[in-house]
């Protein structure tokens, strides 16, 4: 579904991404993990077309994203920090995004609106909201259009335990539908039940991309957090030839 070929991006002297190649397919829940500044957010923004790589190419359903901007309609994005007009209410923001993206034909997924009790908050101004409530708005908008792909950047950050659990259960249901889901999180315990594959970035380089089962076998650890800590301590780098069908010569593009 999404193929990344030799992506490189520099910000002045900082190498945010350094020759990163990978492919993501339907049914995967890929946890993008790594230290701060490892390139996770730059990779996400490159997929979304927000950041333009210096070199390399990204394909969505075999088409270069630069020539097929409509691919963004198939993605639901939840940023780490949602930024919305302060003078608008929650209801106005949701209505505005519906008008921009829905085109009057798309079936809406309003499950999180119900589960988060958002109907009672629709008249609240965005400027008055807590960080957790803003995060709920971002979650609602990410899932609202029933997208084929979900990209969730620190989705549980700022959420209380109940709201976080509601969101994780929602992600599980979307996983069961066979959607492609990319998640970043520093709270690795949140990812244990969700993850099918792990991509570990460090200093802009792809250090490891494995199924969760293979990662646990490689490290001898059952919990994702411990497995990643083991990789970080060991300085392990996955040889390209061991990446199998996911990171090979990229002759096959997943659809």
Protein backbone atom coordinates (compact mmCIF):
# COMPACT_ATOMS: atom_id res chain seq x y z
CA UNK A 1 0.00 0.00 0.00
CA UNK A 2 2.78 2.47 0.96
CA UNK A 3 6.32 2.02 -0.31
CA UNK A 4 9.26 4.20 0.74
CA UNK A 5 12.40 4.07 -1.37
CA UNK A 6 15.70 5.53 -0.17
CA UNK A 7 14.21 8.58 1.54
CA UNK A 8 16.73 11.16 2.72
CA UNK A 9 15.95 14.46 4.45
CA UNK A 10 18.31 17.00 6.00
CA UNK A 11 17.50 20.10 8.04
CA UNK A 12 20.70 22.15 7.76
CA UNK A 13 23.34 19.83 9.29
CA UNK A 14 20.80 17.46 10.87
CA UNK A 15 20.23 14.22 8.95
CA UNK A 16 16.58 13.61 9.91
CA UNK A 17 16.23 10.63 7.53
CA UNK A 18 19.16 8.81 5.99
CA UNK A 19 18.40 6.47 3.06
CA UNK A 20 15.30 4.88 4.62
CA UNK A 21 13.43 2.21 2.65
CA UNK A 22 10.39 0.23 3.79
CA UNK A 23 6.99 -0.99 2.65
CA UNK A 24 3.71 -1.08 4.56
CA UNK A 25 0.72 -3.19 3.60
CA UNK A 26 -2.91 -3.58 4.61
CA UNK A 27 -3.47 -5.37 7.90
CA UNK A 28 -0.25 -4.16 9.51
CA UNK A 29 -0.08 -2.13 12.70
CA UNK A 30 3.44 -0.73 12.55
CA UNK A 31 4.88 0.84 15.68
CA UNK A 32 7.44 3.50 14.74
CA UNK A 33 9.79 3.71 17.70
CA UNK A 34 13.12 5.29 18.51
CA UNK A 35 14.73 8.02 20.65
CA UNK A 36 13.72 11.66 20.37
CA UNK A 37 15.05 13.08 17.12
CA UNK A 38 15.31 9.68 15.47
CA UNK A 39 13.25 10.72 12.42
CA UNK A 40 9.83 9.26 13.24
CA UNK A 41 7.84 12.47 12.82
CA UNK A 42 9.80 13.45 9.70
CA UNK A 43 8.96 10.07 8.18
CA UNK A 44 5.27 10.51 8.98
CA UNK A 45 5.21 14.04 7.57
CA UNK A 46 6.99 12.84 4.43
CA UNK A 47 4.29 10.21 3.88
CA UNK A 48 1.63 12.88 4.38
CA UNK A 49 3.35 15.20 1.91
CA UNK A 50 3.95 17.85 4.57
CA UNK A 51 7.72 17.43 4.31
CA UNK A 52 9.44 17.12 0.92
CA UNK A 53 12.38 14.66 1.03
CA UNK A 54 15.70 15.71 -0.47
CA UNK A 55 16.03 12.35 -2.21
CA UNK A 56 14.06 9.15 -2.68
CA UNK A 57 10.44 8.43 -3.49
CA UNK A 58 7.22 7.48 -1.70
CA UNK A 59 4.44 5.52 -3.40
CA UNK A 60 0.82 5.09 -2.36
CA UNK A 61 -0.85 2.16 -4.14
CA UNK A 62 2.08 2.12 -6.60
CA UNK A 63 1.70 5.81 -7.56
CA UNK A 64 4.22 8.52 -6.56
CA UNK A 65 2.55 10.74 -3.98
CA UNK A 66 3.73 13.91 -5.74
CA UNK A 67 1.57 13.07 -8.76
CA UNK A 68 -1.43 11.72 -6.84
CA UNK A 69 -2.27 14.18 -4.03
CA UNK A 70 -5.78 12.72 -3.70
CA UNK A 71 -4.20 9.80 -1.79
CA UNK A 72 -4.42 11.97 1.34
CA UNK A 73 -8.20 11.45 1.36
CA UNK A 74 -7.49 7.80 2.19
CA UNK A 75 -5.47 8.70 5.31
CA UNK A 76 -6.66 9.64 8.77
CA UNK A 77 -3.99 11.59 10.65
CA UNK A 78 -3.86 12.25 14.39
CA UNK A 79 -1.02 14.68 15.18
CA UNK A 80 0.81 14.71 18.48
CA UNK A 81 -0.42 18.27 19.07
CA UNK A 82 -3.60 19.30 17.28
CA UNK A 83 -3.70 22.97 16.28
CA UNK A 84 -7.15 24.43 15.61
CA UNK A 85 -8.56 27.99 15.36
CA UNK A 86 -8.98 29.21 18.94
CA UNK A 87 -12.15 31.19 18.17
CA UNK A 88 -14.03 28.16 16.78
CA UNK A 89 -16.09 25.70 18.78
CA UNK A 90 -15.56 21.95 18.67
CA UNK A 91 -18.75 21.64 16.62
CA UNK A 92 -17.57 24.26 14.13
CA UNK A 93 -14.20 22.55 13.69
CA UNK A 94 -15.81 19.17 13.05
CA UNK A 95 -18.34 20.71 10.62
CA UNK A 96 -15.56 22.55 8.79
CA UNK A 97 -13.52 19.35 8.32
CA UNK A 98 -16.65 17.47 7.21
CA UNK A 99 -17.30 20.12 4.56
CA UNK A 100 -13.71 20.01 3.35
CA UNK A 101 -13.29 16.23 3.24
CA UNK A 102 -16.67 14.55 3.06
CA UNK A 103 -17.97 15.87 -0.27
CA UNK A 104 -21.45 14.77 0.82
CA UNK A 105 -20.95 11.11 -0.12
CA UNK A 106 -18.62 9.48 2.39
CA UNK A 107 -20.00 7.41 5.26
CA UNK A 108 -18.89 8.91 8.55
CA UNK A 109 -17.56 7.02 11.56
CA UNK A 110 -18.83 8.95 14.58
CA UNK A 111 -18.21 6.21 17.12
CA UNK A 112 -15.63 8.23 19.08
CA UNK A 113 -17.95 11.25 19.18
CA UNK A 114 -20.42 9.06 21.05
CA UNK A 115 -17.88 7.29 23.25
CA UNK A 116 -16.16 10.51 24.28
CA UNK A 117 -19.47 12.28 24.94
CA UNK A 118 -18.51 15.03 22.50
CA UNK A 119 -22.10 16.05 21.74
CA UNK A 120 -22.20 17.77 25.14
CA UNK A 121 -19.01 19.71 24.33
CA UNK A 122 -19.80 20.95 20.83
CA UNK A 123 -20.32 24.60 21.93
CA UNK A 124 -16.99 24.83 23.77
CA UNK A 125 -14.35 27.09 22.20
CA UNK A 126 -11.09 25.42 21.26
CA UNK A 127 -9.13 27.99 23.29
CA UNK A 128 -10.84 26.82 26.48
CA UNK A 129 -10.06 23.12 26.06
CA UNK A 130 -7.63 21.07 28.09
CA UNK A 131 -4.88 19.22 26.27
CA UNK A 132 -6.73 15.96 26.75
CA UNK A 133 -9.95 17.27 25.20
CA UNK A 134 -8.01 18.66 22.22
CA UNK A 135 -6.52 15.19 21.83
CA UNK A 136 -10.04 13.72 21.75
CA UNK A 137 -10.97 16.15 18.97
CA UNK A 138 -7.89 15.01 17.02
CA UNK A 139 -8.88 11.37 17.51
CA UNK A 140 -12.45 12.03 16.34
CA UNK A 141 -11.18 13.74 13.17
CA UNK A 142 -8.63 11.00 12.41
CA UNK A 143 -11.26 8.24 12.41
CA UNK A 144 -14.22 10.27 11.15
CA UNK A 145 -13.97 9.43 7.45
CA UNK A 146 -13.34 5.68 7.86
CA UNK A 147 -9.92 5.95 6.12
CA UNK A 148 -7.96 3.03 4.67
CA UNK A 149 -4.80 4.19 6.47
CA UNK A 150 -4.43 5.64 9.97
CA UNK A 151 -1.32 7.56 11.03
CA UNK A 152 -1.35 8.23 14.76
CA UNK A 153 1.44 10.31 16.32
CA UNK A 154 1.57 9.80 20.10
CA UNK A 155 -2.20 9.19 20.15
CA UNK A 156 -2.61 8.60 23.91
CA UNK A 157 -0.50 11.60 24.98
CA UNK A 158 -2.53 13.74 27.38
CA UNK A 159 -5.48 11.34 27.57
CA UNK A 160 -6.79 10.10 30.90
CA UNK A 161 -6.76 6.30 31.45
CA UNK A 162 -10.40 5.81 30.37
CA UNK A 163 -10.07 7.93 27.22
CA UNK A 164 -6.81 6.17 26.40
CA UNK A 165 -8.45 2.75 26.74
CA UNK A 166 -11.37 3.81 24.54
CA UNK A 167 -8.92 4.92 21.87
CA UNK A 168 -6.87 1.71 22.05
CA UNK A 169 -10.03 -0.38 21.72
CA UNK A 170 -11.02 1.69 18.68
CA UNK A 171 -7.60 1.10 17.11
CA UNK A 172 -8.03 -2.65 17.74
CA UNK A 173 -11.36 -2.64 15.90
CA UNK A 174 -9.81 -0.84 12.93
CA UNK A 175 -6.95 -3.35 12.98
CA UNK A 176 -9.49 -6.18 12.74
CA UNK A 177 -10.90 -4.54 9.60
CA UNK A 178 -7.50 -5.01 7.94
CA UNK A 179 -6.50 -1.34 7.78
CA UNK A 180 -2.90 -0.15 7.67
CA UNK A 181 -2.08 1.67 10.91
CA UNK A 182 1.17 3.50 11.69
CA UNK A 183 1.67 4.55 15.32
CA UNK A 184 4.38 6.40 17.20
CA UNK A 185 4.43 6.36 20.97
CA UNK A 186 6.89 6.73 23.83
CA UNK A 187 4.51 4.68 26.00
CA UNK A 188 5.45 1.28 24.62
CA UNK A 189 3.05 -0.53 26.93
CA UNK A 190 0.24 1.05 24.89
CA UNK A 191 1.51 -0.72 21.78
CA UNK A 192 1.91 -4.28 23.09
CA UNK A 193 -1.58 -5.48 22.16
CA UNK A 194 -1.78 -3.48 18.93
CA UNK A 195 1.51 -4.06 17.13
CA UNK A 196 2.09 -6.51 14.30
CA UNK A 197 5.44 -5.01 13.18
CA UNK A 198 8.09 -2.75 14.69
CA UNK A 199 10.19 -0.15 12.85
CA UNK A 200 13.07 1.17 14.93
CA UNK A 201 14.76 4.39 13.82
CA UNK A 202 17.85 5.97 15.32
CA UNK A 203 19.75 9.03 14.10
CA UNK A 204 17.62 9.04 10.95
CA UNK A 205 18.59 5.50 9.99
CA UNK A 206 16.37 2.42 9.84
CA UNK A 207 17.96 0.08 12.38
CA UNK A 208 15.33 -2.64 12.46
CA UNK A 209 12.02 -3.53 10.82
CA UNK A 210 10.60 -6.84 12.00
CA UNK A 211 7.36 -8.54 12.92
CA UNK A 212 6.64 -8.40 16.64
CA UNK A 213 7.07 -12.17 16.84
CA UNK A 214 10.50 -12.05 15.19
CA UNK A 215 11.57 -9.16 17.42
CA UNK A 216 10.64 -11.09 20.56
CA UNK A 217 12.48 -14.13 19.23
CA UNK A 218 15.53 -11.99 18.41
CA UNK A 219 15.70 -10.36 21.84
CA UNK A 220 14.24 -13.11 24.04
CA UNK A 221 11.81 -10.57 25.51
CA UNK A 222 8.02 -10.86 25.59
CA UNK A 223 7.17 -7.22 26.21
CA UNK A 224 7.70 -4.65 23.47
CA UNK A 225 9.32 -2.11 25.80
CA UNK A 226 11.91 -4.61 27.01
CA UNK A 227 12.52 -5.85 23.47
CA UNK A 228 13.22 -2.33 22.19
CA UNK A 229 15.43 -1.58 25.22
CA UNK A 230 17.40 -4.70 24.36
CA UNK A 231 17.85 -3.51 20.77
CA UNK A 232 18.97 -0.06 21.96
CA UNK A 233 21.49 -1.51 24.41
CA UNK A 234 22.96 -3.92 21.89
CA UNK A 235 23.25 -1.38 19.06
CA UNK A 236 21.75 -4.00 16.76
CA UNK A 237 21.40 -3.06 13.09
CA UNK A 238 19.30 -5.27 10.86
CA UNK A 239 21.14 -6.28 7.69
CA UNK A 240 19.20 -5.24 4.60
CA UNK A 241 19.22 -8.77 3.19
CA UNK A 242 17.40 -10.05 6.29
CA UNK A 243 14.47 -7.72 5.80
CA UNK A 244 12.67 -10.14 3.52
CA UNK A 245 9.63 -9.01 1.60
CA UNK A 246 9.31 -5.82 3.60
CA UNK A 247 12.65 -4.12 2.90
CA UNK A 248 14.17 -5.71 -0.17
CA UNK A 249 15.00 -4.23 -3.55
CA UNK A 250 11.45 -2.81 -3.58
CA UNK A 251 10.69 -4.45 -6.91
CA UNK A 252 7.29 -5.46 -5.53
CA UNK A 253 4.97 -2.66 -4.45
CA UNK A 254 2.24 -3.63 -2.02
CA UNK A 255 -1.32 -2.79 -3.03
